[in-house]
Amino acid sequence: MSAYIVIRITVNDPIKLKEYQQVAPSIIESFGGKLLARGGEVASLEGPAENRRVVIIEFPSMEKAKRFYHSPAYTQAIKLRIGVADFELIAVEGIS
């Protein structure tokens, strides 16, 4: 069953964030992940306005999503965004 990581990002330094953005996609792909949405227009339809960048990644399973996040490669990538952007991540299992 597919799983999705949803990320909401407040970018503090877009130039420095590019370093993270250059390495993260290949790590995502190595765990079977696929970027579905990445920083496009966000429209708040109900509830508080969402002004953050939103990223949605699909993984083949919840296990793969968790393995991606806790992998040594992604742990190193996280260091590239510390102080550069504030990330909120959740993983949610898809519907079978």
Protein backbone atom coordinates (compact mmCIF):
# COMPACT_ATOMS: atom_id res chain seq x y z
CA MET A 1 0.00 0.00 0.00
CA SER A 2 1.39 3.41 -0.97
CA ALA A 3 2.35 5.99 1.62
CA TYR A 4 2.86 9.72 1.32
CA ILE A 5 5.17 12.14 3.03
CA VAL A 6 3.68 15.61 3.20
CA ILE A 7 6.13 18.41 3.95
CA ARG A 8 5.36 22.03 4.82
CA ILE A 9 8.35 24.32 4.57
CA THR A 10 9.08 27.86 5.67
CA VAL A 11 12.10 28.95 3.64
CA ASN A 12 14.46 31.35 5.39
CA ASP A 13 17.27 31.37 2.81
CA PRO A 14 16.24 30.16 -0.68
CA ILE A 15 19.79 30.33 -2.04
CA LYS A 16 21.24 28.07 0.66
CA LEU A 17 18.25 25.72 0.39
CA LYS A 18 19.34 24.87 -3.18
CA GLU A 19 22.16 22.73 -1.75
CA TYR A 20 19.57 20.52 -0.01
CA GLN A 21 17.34 20.53 -3.10
CA GLN A 22 20.20 19.19 -5.22
CA VAL A 23 20.73 16.06 -3.09
CA ALA A 24 17.26 15.21 -1.74
CA PRO A 25 15.60 14.00 -4.99
CA SER A 26 18.15 11.24 -5.63
CA ILE A 27 17.78 10.01 -2.04
CA ILE A 28 13.99 9.98 -2.43
CA GLU A 29 14.30 7.99 -5.68
CA SER A 30 16.67 5.47 -4.09
CA PHE A 31 13.80 4.45 -1.76
CA GLY A 32 11.28 4.19 -4.57
CA GLY A 33 9.87 7.64 -3.86
CA LYS A 34 8.29 9.92 -6.44
CA LEU A 35 7.79 13.67 -6.07
CA LEU A 36 4.12 14.46 -6.75
CA ALA A 37 4.10 18.16 -5.78
CA ARG A 38 7.01 20.45 -5.07
CA GLY A 39 6.60 24.13 -4.28
CA GLY A 40 3.83 24.99 -6.73
CA GLU A 41 0.90 27.28 -6.04
CA VAL A 42 -0.92 26.60 -2.76
CA ALA A 43 -4.53 27.71 -2.39
CA SER A 44 -6.15 27.59 1.05
CA LEU A 45 -9.70 26.41 0.49
CA GLU A 46 -10.78 26.04 4.11
CA GLY A 47 -9.16 26.84 7.45
CA PRO A 48 -6.17 29.10 8.07
CA ALA A 49 -4.17 30.41 5.13
CA GLU A 50 -1.23 28.20 4.17
CA ASN A 51 1.72 30.30 3.05
CA ARG A 52 4.40 27.64 3.28
CA ARG A 53 5.89 25.63 0.44
CA VAL A 54 4.25 22.20 0.22
CA VAL A 55 5.92 19.01 -1.03
CA ILE A 56 4.18 15.65 -1.46
CA ILE A 57 6.19 12.46 -2.03
CA GLU A 58 4.72 9.05 -2.81
CA PHE A 59 6.47 5.88 -1.61
CA PRO A 60 5.59 2.25 -2.34
CA SER A 61 4.90 1.62 1.36
CA MET A 62 4.96 3.23 4.80
CA GLU A 63 8.04 1.15 5.59
CA LYS A 64 9.91 2.64 2.60
CA ALA A 65 8.85 6.16 3.61
CA LYS A 66 10.16 5.65 7.14
CA ARG A 67 13.37 4.00 5.87
CA PHE A 68 13.95 7.01 3.59
CA TYR A 69 13.53 9.51 6.42
CA HIS A 70 15.76 7.61 8.85
CA SER A 71 18.42 6.67 6.28
CA PRO A 72 22.02 7.83 6.77
CA ALA A 73 21.89 9.63 3.41
CA TYR A 74 18.82 11.67 4.33
CA THR A 75 20.16 12.32 7.83
CA GLN A 76 23.13 14.01 6.13
CA ALA A 77 20.81 15.95 3.79
CA ILE A 78 18.85 17.29 6.78
CA LYS A 79 22.03 18.98 7.99
CA LEU A 80 22.05 21.06 4.78
CA ARG A 81 18.72 22.67 5.65
CA ILE A 82 19.26 23.43 9.35
CA GLY A 83 18.85 27.18 9.83
CA VAL A 84 17.97 27.51 6.14
CA ALA A 85 14.35 26.29 6.25
CA ASP A 86 11.90 25.00 8.83
CA PHE A 87 10.35 21.67 7.80
CA GLU A 88 7.26 19.88 9.12
CA LEU A 89 6.91 16.31 7.83
CA ILE A 90 4.18 13.74 8.25
CA ALA A 91 3.82 10.30 6.70
CA VAL A 92 0.35 9.00 5.90
CA GLU A 93 -0.67 5.62 4.54
CA GLY A 94 -2.69 5.62 1.35
CA ILE A 95 -6.00 3.92 0.71
CA SER A 96 -5.75 0.33 -0.49
